[in-house]
Amino acid sequence: MSKKIIGRYIVTDPKICHGQPVFRGTRILVADVLEQVASGMAWESIVDEWRSAISKEAIAEAVKLASKAFISHAPELAVA
């Protein structure tokens, strides 16, 4: 597996965080930021918490990609 560019701000690289999606140029896991968004944390607060290593635009990209993934995989998640 090699480095993959998922979006303008998100990449995967097997040498960084075991290949989990991170924000480009950081070791900040996309999943961690999405959890902060899901908990209702203000995006400005998320940016501040990560000391501006990510931007609101990067968060928006993560939310958009997560939404697309959810829509694509929703049938698999349905409870029988």
N, C-alpha and C. Protein backbone atom coordinates (compact mmCIF):
# COMPACT_ATOMS: atom_id res chain seq x y z
N MET A 1 0.85 -1.18 0.00
CA MET A 1 0.00 0.00 0.00
C MET A 1 0.89 1.24 0.00
N SER A 2 0.54 2.19 -0.81
CA SER A 2 1.31 3.42 -0.87
C SER A 2 0.46 4.60 -0.42
N LYS A 3 1.09 5.76 -0.33
CA LYS A 3 0.38 6.97 0.06
C LYS A 3 -0.73 7.26 -0.95
N LYS A 4 -1.91 7.62 -0.43
CA LYS A 4 -3.05 7.95 -1.29
C LYS A 4 -3.60 9.31 -0.89
N ILE A 5 -3.86 10.12 -1.88
CA ILE A 5 -4.48 11.41 -1.65
C ILE A 5 -5.99 11.21 -1.79
N ILE A 6 -6.70 11.40 -0.70
CA ILE A 6 -8.15 11.18 -0.69
C ILE A 6 -8.89 12.45 -1.05
N GLY A 7 -8.32 13.57 -0.71
CA GLY A 7 -8.93 14.86 -0.99
C GLY A 7 -7.86 15.93 -0.92
N ARG A 8 -8.28 17.15 -0.96
CA ARG A 8 -7.32 18.26 -0.88
C ARG A 8 -6.59 18.26 0.45
N TYR A 9 -7.28 17.83 1.52
CA TYR A 9 -6.72 17.91 2.86
C TYR A 9 -6.47 16.56 3.52
N ILE A 10 -6.92 15.48 2.93
CA ILE A 10 -6.88 14.18 3.60
C ILE A 10 -6.06 13.18 2.79
N VAL A 11 -5.20 12.45 3.49
CA VAL A 11 -4.34 11.45 2.87
C VAL A 11 -4.28 10.20 3.74
N THR A 12 -3.84 9.12 3.12
CA THR A 12 -3.48 7.92 3.87
C THR A 12 -2.06 7.55 3.47
N ASP A 13 -1.30 7.09 4.43
CA ASP A 13 0.08 6.69 4.19
C ASP A 13 0.39 5.59 5.20
N PRO A 14 0.79 4.41 4.72
CA PRO A 14 1.06 3.32 5.66
C PRO A 14 2.15 3.67 6.69
N LYS A 15 2.96 4.68 6.41
CA LYS A 15 4.02 5.08 7.34
C LYS A 15 3.52 6.07 8.40
N ILE A 16 2.29 6.55 8.24
CA ILE A 16 1.74 7.52 9.19
C ILE A 16 0.46 6.96 9.79
N CYS A 17 0.43 6.81 11.10
CA CYS A 17 -0.76 6.34 11.83
C CYS A 17 -1.34 5.06 11.25
N HIS A 18 -0.45 4.13 10.88
CA HIS A 18 -0.86 2.81 10.37
C HIS A 18 -1.79 2.90 9.16
N GLY A 19 -1.65 3.95 8.37
CA GLY A 19 -2.42 4.07 7.14
C GLY A 19 -3.83 4.61 7.32
N GLN A 20 -4.18 5.02 8.55
CA GLN A 20 -5.51 5.60 8.76
C GLN A 20 -5.55 6.99 8.13
N PRO A 21 -6.72 7.44 7.69
CA PRO A 21 -6.81 8.78 7.10
C PRO A 21 -6.43 9.86 8.11
N VAL A 22 -5.55 10.76 7.66
CA VAL A 22 -5.10 11.90 8.46
C VAL A 22 -5.18 13.15 7.60
N PHE A 23 -5.12 14.29 8.27
CA PHE A 23 -5.07 15.55 7.55
C PHE A 23 -3.64 15.75 7.05
N ARG A 24 -3.53 16.16 5.80
CA ARG A 24 -2.24 16.30 5.14
C ARG A 24 -1.27 17.14 5.98
N GLY A 25 -0.05 16.61 6.11
CA GLY A 25 0.99 17.31 6.85
C GLY A 25 0.88 17.19 8.36
N THR A 26 -0.04 16.35 8.83
CA THR A 26 -0.23 16.17 10.28
C THR A 26 -0.34 14.68 10.59
N ARG A 27 -0.46 14.40 11.86
CA ARG A 27 -0.80 13.05 12.33
C ARG A 27 -2.17 13.08 13.01
N ILE A 28 -2.97 14.06 12.63
CA ILE A 28 -4.31 14.21 13.20
C ILE A 28 -5.26 13.29 12.44
N LEU A 29 -5.84 12.34 13.16
CA LEU A 29 -6.75 11.38 12.54
C LEU A 29 -8.06 12.05 12.16
N VAL A 30 -8.50 11.79 10.96
CA VAL A 30 -9.79 12.31 10.50
C VAL A 30 -10.89 11.81 11.42
N ALA A 31 -10.80 10.56 11.85
CA ALA A 31 -11.83 9.98 12.73
C ALA A 31 -11.95 10.77 14.03
N ASP A 32 -10.83 11.23 14.58
CA ASP A 32 -10.88 12.00 15.83
C ASP A 32 -11.62 13.31 15.62
N VAL A 33 -11.35 13.98 14.51
CA VAL A 33 -12.01 15.25 14.24
C VAL A 33 -13.49 15.03 13.96
N LEU A 34 -13.83 13.96 13.23
CA LEU A 34 -15.24 13.67 12.98
C LEU A 34 -15.98 13.38 14.29
N GLU A 35 -15.32 12.75 15.24
CA GLU A 35 -15.95 12.52 16.55
C GLU A 35 -16.22 13.85 17.25
N GLN A 36 -15.30 14.79 17.12
CA GLN A 36 -15.50 16.11 17.72
C GLN A 36 -16.69 16.82 17.06
N VAL A 37 -16.78 16.72 15.75
CA VAL A 37 -17.91 17.32 15.03
C VAL A 37 -19.21 16.66 15.50
N ALA A 38 -19.21 15.34 15.57
CA ALA A 38 -20.41 14.60 15.97
C ALA A 38 -20.85 14.94 17.39
N SER A 39 -19.89 15.29 18.25
CA SER A 39 -20.23 15.62 19.64
C SER A 39 -20.81 17.03 19.76
N GLY A 40 -20.81 17.76 18.63
CA GLY A 40 -21.38 19.11 18.64
C GLY A 40 -20.37 20.21 18.88
N MET A 41 -19.12 19.86 18.90
CA MET A 41 -18.07 20.87 19.13
C MET A 41 -18.04 21.85 17.96
N ALA A 42 -17.94 23.12 18.26
CA ALA A 42 -17.87 24.15 17.22
C ALA A 42 -16.59 23.97 16.41
N TRP A 43 -16.70 24.17 15.11
CA TRP A 43 -15.54 23.97 14.24
C TRP A 43 -14.39 24.89 14.63
N GLU A 44 -14.71 26.12 15.03
CA GLU A 44 -13.66 27.04 15.46
C GLU A 44 -12.90 26.47 16.66
N SER A 45 -13.63 25.83 17.56
CA SER A 45 -13.01 25.22 18.74
C SER A 45 -12.13 24.03 18.35
N ILE A 46 -12.57 23.28 17.35
CA ILE A 46 -11.77 22.15 16.87
C ILE A 46 -10.46 22.67 16.29
N VAL A 47 -10.55 23.70 15.46
CA VAL A 47 -9.35 24.30 14.88
C VAL A 47 -8.42 24.78 15.99
N ASP A 48 -8.97 25.44 17.00
CA ASP A 48 -8.17 25.94 18.12
C ASP A 48 -7.52 24.78 18.89
N GLU A 49 -8.29 23.73 19.12
CA GLU A 49 -7.76 22.60 19.88
C GLU A 49 -6.56 21.96 19.18
N TRP A 50 -6.60 21.93 17.86
CA TRP A 50 -5.50 21.36 17.09
C TRP A 50 -4.48 22.44 16.70
N ARG A 51 -4.55 23.59 17.38
CA ARG A 51 -3.59 24.69 17.20
C ARG A 51 -3.45 25.11 15.75
N SER A 52 -4.58 25.17 15.07
CA SER A 52 -4.66 25.61 13.67
C SER A 52 -3.88 24.72 12.70
N ALA A 53 -3.59 23.47 13.11
CA ALA A 53 -2.93 22.53 12.20
C ALA A 53 -3.89 22.06 11.12
N ILE A 54 -5.20 22.21 11.40
CA ILE A 54 -6.23 21.93 10.39
C ILE A 54 -7.12 23.17 10.30
N SER A 55 -7.82 23.27 9.19
CA SER A 55 -8.67 24.43 8.95
C SER A 55 -10.14 24.01 8.91
N LYS A 56 -11.02 25.01 8.93
CA LYS A 56 -12.45 24.71 8.79
C LYS A 56 -12.72 24.06 7.43
N GLU A 57 -11.96 24.45 6.41
CA GLU A 57 -12.13 23.83 5.08
C GLU A 57 -11.75 22.35 5.12
N ALA A 58 -10.73 22.01 5.88
CA ALA A 58 -10.33 20.61 6.02
C ALA A 58 -11.41 19.82 6.76
N ILE A 59 -11.98 20.42 7.78
CA ILE A 59 -13.08 19.76 8.51
C ILE A 59 -14.26 19.55 7.57
N ALA A 60 -14.59 20.57 6.78
CA ALA A 60 -15.71 20.45 5.84
C ALA A 60 -15.47 19.32 4.85
N GLU A 61 -14.24 19.18 4.37
CA GLU A 61 -13.93 18.08 3.46
C GLU A 61 -14.14 16.73 4.15
N ALA A 62 -13.70 16.61 5.39
CA ALA A 62 -13.87 15.36 6.13
C ALA A 62 -15.35 15.03 6.31
N VAL A 63 -16.15 16.01 6.65
CA VAL A 63 -17.59 15.79 6.83
C VAL A 63 -18.22 15.38 5.50
N LYS A 64 -17.86 16.05 4.43
CA LYS A 64 -18.41 15.74 3.10
C LYS A 64 -18.05 14.32 2.68
N LEU A 65 -16.79 13.93 2.86
CA LEU A 65 -16.37 12.58 2.50
C LEU A 65 -17.04 11.53 3.39
N ALA A 66 -17.19 11.83 4.67
CA ALA A 66 -17.87 10.91 5.58
C ALA A 66 -19.33 10.74 5.17
N SER A 67 -19.96 11.82 4.77
CA SER A 67 -21.35 11.76 4.32
C SER A 67 -21.47 10.88 3.08
N LYS A 68 -20.57 11.06 2.13
CA LYS A 68 -20.60 10.23 0.91
C LYS A 68 -20.39 8.76 1.25
N ALA A 69 -19.46 8.49 2.16
CA ALA A 69 -19.20 7.11 2.57
C ALA A 69 -20.42 6.50 3.26
N PHE A 70 -21.07 7.29 4.10
CA PHE A 70 -22.27 6.82 4.78
C PHE A 70 -23.36 6.47 3.78
N ILE A 71 -23.60 7.37 2.84
CA ILE A 71 -24.64 7.13 1.84
C ILE A 71 -24.32 5.88 1.03
N SER A 72 -23.05 5.71 0.66
CA SER A 72 -22.65 4.55 -0.13
C SER A 72 -22.81 3.24 0.64
N HIS A 73 -22.59 3.28 1.94
CA HIS A 73 -22.60 2.06 2.74
C HIS A 73 -23.83 1.90 3.64
N ALA A 74 -24.77 2.79 3.55
CA ALA A 74 -25.96 2.72 4.41
C ALA A 74 -26.69 1.37 4.32
N PRO A 75 -26.87 0.80 3.12
CA PRO A 75 -27.56 -0.49 3.07
C PRO A 75 -26.85 -1.58 3.89
N GLU A 76 -25.54 -1.54 3.96
CA GLU A 76 -24.79 -2.52 4.72
C GLU A 76 -24.97 -2.32 6.23
N LEU A 77 -25.31 -1.10 6.62
CA LEU A 77 -25.44 -0.77 8.05
C LEU A 77 -26.83 -1.01 8.59
N ALA A 78 -27.78 -1.21 7.70
CA ALA A 78 -29.18 -1.37 8.12
C ALA A 78 -29.34 -2.57 9.05
N VAL A 79 -30.09 -2.35 10.10
CA VAL A 79 -30.37 -3.42 11.06
C VAL A 79 -31.54 -4.26 10.52
N ALA A 80 -31.35 -5.54 10.52
CA ALA A 80 -32.39 -6.44 9.97
C ALA A 80 -33.55 -6.59 10.92
